[in-house]
């Protein structure tokens, strides 16, 4: 009987060790998810600085070059990510000249190219008059990666886009493309 009790005690101890390991793994996964969620929920310092500088630009007569020319590459990347949706080639090139990362991504994982393709607030899509071929020339000049990580962007934003946009992205031309 003592051998059976000892065997059960050993099994309980083994299961307790497994339970402790699984519980620790679970806790680590929860902590990682909380951190990821917190990072996405709160803008980085660079993003906050860029937003403040853009507010000064829109409310005052101060150029983006003056405001961002003295900032770090990280702040310029955050500014580029916020301003790319407006599809202004000179603005995009100014940020890139000041050290912005042409392949940078925001907290939601959207790239500069994805911001350009979506256009302002995602409304400048397809046959919009707001496409700007010069923007794509600037992006090519700075070797943007033609990668779209959000699969819905191409079908929702590029249907009816100009041929140069579709060519830039390596999309097959069809009869509906312009």
C-alpha atoms as a PDB file:
ATOM      1  CA  UNK A   1       0.000   0.000   0.000  1.00  0.00           C
ATOM      2  CA  UNK A   2       2.873   2.388   0.799  1.00  0.00           C
ATOM      3  CA  UNK A   3       4.256   1.899  -2.714  1.00  0.00           C
ATOM      4  CA  UNK A   4       0.898   2.851  -4.244  1.00  0.00           C
ATOM      5  CA  UNK A   5       0.641   5.940  -2.053  1.00  0.00           C
ATOM      6  CA  UNK A   6       4.222   6.921  -2.935  1.00  0.00           C
ATOM      7  CA  UNK A   7       3.457   6.441  -6.641  1.00  0.00           C
ATOM      8  CA  UNK A   8       0.349   8.626  -6.380  1.00  0.00           C
ATOM      9  CA  UNK A   9       2.358  11.269  -4.480  1.00  0.00           C
ATOM     10  CA  UNK A  10       5.016  11.256  -7.236  1.00  0.00           C
ATOM     11  CA  UNK A  11       2.297  11.602  -9.899  1.00  0.00           C
ATOM     12  CA  UNK A  12       0.735  14.498  -7.987  1.00  0.00           C
ATOM     13  CA  UNK A  13       4.135  16.202  -7.717  1.00  0.00           C
ATOM     14  CA  UNK A  14       4.772  15.702 -11.454  1.00  0.00           C
ATOM     15  CA  UNK A  15       1.344  17.097 -12.346  1.00  0.00           C
ATOM     16  CA  UNK A  16       1.905  20.023  -9.969  1.00  0.00           C
ATOM     17  CA  UNK A  17       5.169  20.836 -11.813  1.00  0.00           C
ATOM     18  CA  UNK A  18       3.353  20.651 -15.165  1.00  0.00           C
ATOM     19  CA  UNK A  19       0.546  22.824 -13.829  1.00  0.00           C
ATOM     20  CA  UNK A  20       3.075  25.381 -12.531  1.00  0.00           C
ATOM     21  CA  UNK A  21       4.843  25.480 -15.912  1.00  0.00           C
ATOM     22  CA  UNK A  22       1.570  25.834 -17.813  1.00  0.00           C
ATOM     23  CA  UNK A  23       0.351  28.522 -15.427  1.00  0.00           C
ATOM     24  CA  UNK A  24       3.624  30.460 -15.816  1.00  0.00           C
ATOM     25  CA  UNK A  25       3.357  30.199 -19.634  1.00  0.00           C
ATOM     26  CA  UNK A  26      -0.237  31.426 -19.449  1.00  0.00           C
ATOM     27  CA  UNK A  27       0.765  34.388 -17.277  1.00  0.00           C
ATOM     28  CA  UNK A  28       3.585  35.300 -19.684  1.00  0.00           C
ATOM     29  CA  UNK A  29       1.159  35.205 -22.633  1.00  0.00           C
ATOM     30  CA  UNK A  30      -1.296  37.454 -20.785  1.00  0.00           C
ATOM     31  CA  UNK A  31       1.457  39.944 -19.902  1.00  0.00           C
ATOM     32  CA  UNK A  32       2.683  39.982 -23.525  1.00  0.00           C
ATOM     33  CA  UNK A  33      -0.863  40.656 -24.785  1.00  0.00           C
ATOM     34  CA  UNK A  34      -1.371  43.466 -22.261  1.00  0.00           C
ATOM     35  CA  UNK A  35       1.916  45.073 -23.335  1.00  0.00           C
ATOM     36  CA  UNK A  36       1.019  44.777 -27.034  1.00  0.00           C
ATOM     37  CA  UNK A  37      -2.409  46.259 -26.433  1.00  0.00           C
ATOM     38  CA  UNK A  38      -0.976  49.092 -24.344  1.00  0.00           C
ATOM     39  CA  UNK A  39       1.591  49.954 -27.000  1.00  0.00           C
ATOM     40  CA  UNK A  40      -1.100  50.104 -29.702  1.00  0.00           C
ATOM     41  CA  UNK A  41      -3.415  52.116 -27.448  1.00  0.00           C
ATOM     42  CA  UNK A  42      -0.963  54.854 -26.576  1.00  0.00           C
ATOM     43  CA  UNK A  43       0.921  56.714 -29.277  1.00  0.00           C
ATOM     44  CA  UNK A  44       4.683  56.774 -29.010  1.00  0.00           C
ATOM     45  CA  UNK A  45       6.453  59.954 -27.961  1.00  0.00           C
ATOM     46  CA  UNK A  46       7.520  60.486 -31.575  1.00  0.00           C
ATOM     47  CA  UNK A  47       3.915  60.189 -32.759  1.00  0.00           C
ATOM     48  CA  UNK A  48       2.747  62.654 -30.117  1.00  0.00           C
ATOM     49  CA  UNK A  49       5.478  65.140 -31.080  1.00  0.00           C
ATOM     50  CA  UNK A  50       4.652  64.746 -34.780  1.00  0.00           C
ATOM     51  CA  UNK A  51       0.944  65.334 -34.113  1.00  0.00           C
ATOM     52  CA  UNK A  52       1.750  68.480 -32.133  1.00  0.00           C
ATOM     53  CA  UNK A  53       4.031  69.792 -34.891  1.00  0.00           C
ATOM     54  CA  UNK A  54       1.414  69.070 -37.562  1.00  0.00           C
ATOM     55  CA  UNK A  55      -1.135  70.966 -35.467  1.00  0.00           C
ATOM     56  CA  UNK A  56       1.210  73.970 -35.390  1.00  0.00           C
ATOM     57  CA  UNK A  57       1.646  73.650 -39.166  1.00  0.00           C
ATOM     58  CA  UNK A  58      -2.110  73.570 -39.821  1.00  0.00           C
ATOM     59  CA  UNK A  59      -2.948  76.385 -37.393  1.00  0.00           C
ATOM     60  CA  UNK A  60       0.008  78.708 -38.029  1.00  0.00           C
ATOM     61  CA  UNK A  61       2.091  79.959 -40.897  1.00  0.00           C
ATOM     62  CA  UNK A  62       5.091  77.727 -40.119  1.00  0.00           C
ATOM     63  CA  UNK A  63       6.403  75.291 -42.731  1.00  0.00           C
ATOM     64  CA  UNK A  64       6.726  71.569 -42.126  1.00  0.00           C
ATOM     65  CA  UNK A  65      10.402  71.850 -43.075  1.00  0.00           C
ATOM     66  CA  UNK A  66      10.991  74.374 -40.279  1.00  0.00           C
ATOM     67  CA  UNK A  67       9.126  72.235 -37.758  1.00  0.00           C
ATOM     68  CA  UNK A  68      10.481  68.813 -38.721  1.00  0.00           C
ATOM     69  CA  UNK A  69      13.922  69.757 -40.064  1.00  0.00           C
ATOM     70  CA  UNK A  70      15.381  69.754 -36.545  1.00  0.00           C
ATOM     71  CA  UNK A  71      13.609  66.597 -35.361  1.00  0.00           C
ATOM     72  CA  UNK A  72      14.876  63.021 -35.090  1.00  0.00           C
ATOM     73  CA  UNK A  73      14.374  60.400 -37.775  1.00  0.00           C
ATOM     74  CA  UNK A  74      11.772  58.752 -35.530  1.00  0.00           C
ATOM     75  CA  UNK A  75       9.707  61.960 -35.305  1.00  0.00           C
ATOM     76  CA  UNK A  76      10.048  62.485 -39.063  1.00  0.00           C
ATOM     77  CA  UNK A  77       8.866  58.909 -39.687  1.00  0.00           C
ATOM     78  CA  UNK A  78       5.843  59.508 -37.437  1.00  0.00           C
ATOM     79  CA  UNK A  79       5.130  62.735 -39.330  1.00  0.00           C
ATOM     80  CA  UNK A  80       5.466  60.981 -42.666  1.00  0.00           C
ATOM     81  CA  UNK A  81       3.068  58.249 -41.574  1.00  0.00           C
ATOM     82  CA  UNK A  82       0.508  60.890 -40.619  1.00  0.00           C
ATOM     83  CA  UNK A  83       0.925  63.064 -43.712  1.00  0.00           C
ATOM     84  CA  UNK A  84       1.364  60.371 -46.406  1.00  0.00           C
ATOM     85  CA  UNK A  85      -2.402  60.026 -46.787  1.00  0.00           C
ATOM     86  CA  UNK A  86      -2.527  63.507 -48.355  1.00  0.00           C
ATOM     87  CA  UNK A  87      -0.420  62.274 -51.320  1.00  0.00           C
ATOM     88  CA  UNK A  88       1.752  65.366 -51.579  1.00  0.00           C
ATOM     89  CA  UNK A  89       5.086  64.454 -53.179  1.00  0.00           C
ATOM     90  CA  UNK A  90       6.967  67.481 -51.810  1.00  0.00           C
ATOM     91  CA  UNK A  91       5.822  66.805 -48.252  1.00  0.00           C
ATOM     92  CA  UNK A  92       6.726  63.130 -48.471  1.00  0.00           C
ATOM     93  CA  UNK A  93      10.156  63.936 -49.887  1.00  0.00           C
ATOM     94  CA  UNK A  94      10.759  66.564 -47.171  1.00  0.00           C
ATOM     95  CA  UNK A  95      10.199  63.946 -44.467  1.00  0.00           C
ATOM     96  CA  UNK A  96      12.436  61.451 -46.281  1.00  0.00           C
ATOM     97  CA  UNK A  97      15.175  64.081 -46.692  1.00  0.00           C
ATOM     98  CA  UNK A  98      14.999  64.619 -42.935  1.00  0.00           C
ATOM     99  CA  UNK A  99      15.600  60.951 -42.130  1.00  0.00           C
ATOM    100  CA  UNK A 100      12.108  59.411 -42.148  1.00  0.00           C
ATOM    101  CA  UNK A 101      11.957  55.690 -42.866  1.00  0.00           C
ATOM    102  CA  UNK A 102      10.160  55.159 -46.184  1.00  0.00           C
ATOM    103  CA  UNK A 103       9.214  51.676 -44.971  1.00  0.00           C
ATOM    104  CA  UNK A 104       8.134  52.758 -41.486  1.00  0.00           C
ATOM    105  CA  UNK A 105       4.905  51.477 -39.961  1.00  0.00           C
ATOM    106  CA  UNK A 106       2.515  52.974 -37.456  1.00  0.00           C
ATOM    107  CA  UNK A 107       1.254  51.250 -34.290  1.00  0.00           C
ATOM    108  CA  UNK A 108      -1.486  49.577 -36.317  1.00  0.00           C
ATOM    109  CA  UNK A 109       1.072  48.079 -38.693  1.00  0.00           C
ATOM    110  CA  UNK A 110       0.189  50.331 -41.641  1.00  0.00           C
ATOM    111  CA  UNK A 111       3.119  51.357 -43.838  1.00  0.00           C
ATOM    112  CA  UNK A 112       3.764  54.644 -45.613  1.00  0.00           C
ATOM    113  CA  UNK A 113       2.791  53.000 -48.916  1.00  0.00           C
ATOM    114  CA  UNK A 114      -0.452  51.716 -47.411  1.00  0.00           C
ATOM    115  CA  UNK A 115      -1.264  55.222 -46.121  1.00  0.00           C
ATOM    116  CA  UNK A 116      -0.666  56.656 -49.593  1.00  0.00           C
ATOM    117  CA  UNK A 117      -2.814  54.015 -51.253  1.00  0.00           C
ATOM    118  CA  UNK A 118      -5.696  54.510 -48.808  1.00  0.00           C
ATOM    119  CA  UNK A 119      -5.571  58.279 -49.186  1.00  0.00           C
ATOM    120  CA  UNK A 120      -7.004  60.796 -46.749  1.00  0.00           C
ATOM    121  CA  UNK A 121      -9.100  59.011 -44.127  1.00  0.00           C
ATOM    122  CA  UNK A 122      -9.437  56.098 -46.533  1.00  0.00           C
ATOM    123  CA  UNK A 123     -11.831  58.050 -48.750  1.00  0.00           C
ATOM    124  CA  UNK A 124      -9.497  58.811 -51.644  1.00  0.00           C
ATOM    125  CA  UNK A 125      -9.776  55.434 -53.311  1.00  0.00           C
ATOM    126  CA  UNK A 126     -10.209  53.934 -56.746  1.00  0.00           C
ATOM    127  CA  UNK A 127     -11.157  56.542 -59.307  1.00  0.00           C
ATOM    128  CA  UNK A 128     -10.393  59.447 -56.958  1.00  0.00           C
ATOM    129  CA  UNK A 129      -9.034  62.611 -58.542  1.00  0.00           C
ATOM    130  CA  UNK A 130      -6.487  62.759 -55.703  1.00  0.00           C
ATOM    131  CA  UNK A 131      -3.979  60.224 -57.048  1.00  0.00           C
ATOM    132  CA  UNK A 132      -0.558  61.802 -57.615  1.00  0.00           C
ATOM    133  CA  UNK A 133       1.980  60.085 -59.849  1.00  0.00           C
ATOM    134  CA  UNK A 134       4.822  62.183 -58.396  1.00  0.00           C
ATOM    135  CA  UNK A 135       4.280  60.543 -55.001  1.00  0.00           C
ATOM    136  CA  UNK A 136       5.009  57.133 -56.490  1.00  0.00           C
ATOM    137  CA  UNK A 137       8.147  58.493 -58.160  1.00  0.00           C
ATOM    138  CA  UNK A 138       9.361  59.784 -54.774  1.00  0.00           C
ATOM    139  CA  UNK A 139       8.575  56.467 -53.084  1.00  0.00           C
ATOM    140  CA  UNK A 140      10.469  54.603 -55.827  1.00  0.00           C
ATOM    141  CA  UNK A 141      13.416  57.003 -55.506  1.00  0.00           C
ATOM    142  CA  UNK A 142      13.682  56.127 -51.806  1.00  0.00           C
ATOM    143  CA  UNK A 143      13.239  52.382 -52.458  1.00  0.00           C
ATOM    144  CA  UNK A 144       9.914  51.793 -50.749  1.00  0.00           C
ATOM    145  CA  UNK A 145       9.082  48.117 -50.381  1.00  0.00           C
ATOM    146  CA  UNK A 146       6.016  47.334 -52.469  1.00  0.00           C
ATOM    147  CA  UNK A 147       4.519  45.183 -49.740  1.00  0.00           C
ATOM    148  CA  UNK A 148       0.917  45.422 -48.629  1.00  0.00           C
ATOM    149  CA  UNK A 149       0.384  43.631 -45.321  1.00  0.00           C
ATOM    150  CA  UNK A 150      -3.324  44.402 -45.036  1.00  0.00           C
ATOM    151  CA  UNK A 151      -4.949  42.278 -47.737  1.00  0.00           C
ATOM    152  CA  UNK A 152      -8.118  44.357 -48.005  1.00  0.00           C
ATOM    153  CA  UNK A 153      -6.266  47.476 -49.196  1.00  0.00           C
ATOM    154  CA  UNK A 154      -5.683  46.413 -52.816  1.00  0.00           C
ATOM    155  CA  UNK A 155      -9.267  45.344 -53.635  1.00  0.00           C
ATOM    156  CA  UNK A 156     -10.860  48.224 -51.734  1.00  0.00           C
ATOM    157  CA  UNK A 157      -8.511  51.033 -52.728  1.00  0.00           C
ATOM    158  CA  UNK A 158      -7.044  50.184 -56.122  1.00  0.00           C
ATOM    159  CA  UNK A 159     -10.072  49.196 -58.147  1.00  0.00           C
ATOM    160  CA  UNK A 160     -10.257  51.976 -60.702  1.00  0.00           C
ATOM    161  CA  UNK A 161      -6.879  53.451 -59.694  1.00  0.00           C
ATOM    162  CA  UNK A 162      -4.712  54.906 -62.469  1.00  0.00           C
ATOM    163  CA  UNK A 163      -2.499  52.541 -64.457  1.00  0.00           C
ATOM    164  CA  UNK A 164       0.699  53.971 -62.906  1.00  0.00           C
ATOM    165  CA  UNK A 165      -0.560  52.991 -59.423  1.00  0.00           C
ATOM    166  CA  UNK A 166      -1.417  49.472 -60.556  1.00  0.00           C
ATOM    167  CA  UNK A 167       1.937  49.174 -62.370  1.00  0.00           C
ATOM    168  CA  UNK A 168       3.818  50.441 -59.304  1.00  0.00           C
ATOM    169  CA  UNK A 169       2.167  47.767 -57.180  1.00  0.00           C
ATOM    170  CA  UNK A 170       2.702  45.078 -59.799  1.00  0.00           C
ATOM    171  CA  UNK A 171      -1.017  44.456 -60.211  1.00  0.00           C
ATOM    172  CA  UNK A 172      -2.401  42.788 -63.299  1.00  0.00           C
ATOM    173  CA  UNK A 173      -4.121  45.282 -65.550  1.00  0.00           C
ATOM    174  CA  UNK A 174      -7.683  44.520 -66.410  1.00  0.00           C
ATOM    175  CA  UNK A 175     -10.268  46.264 -68.552  1.00  0.00           C
ATOM    176  CA  UNK A 176     -11.570  48.303 -65.597  1.00  0.00           C
ATOM    177  CA  UNK A 177      -8.160  49.773 -64.667  1.00  0.00           C
ATOM    178  CA  UNK A 178      -7.407  53.225 -65.970  1.00  0.00           C
END
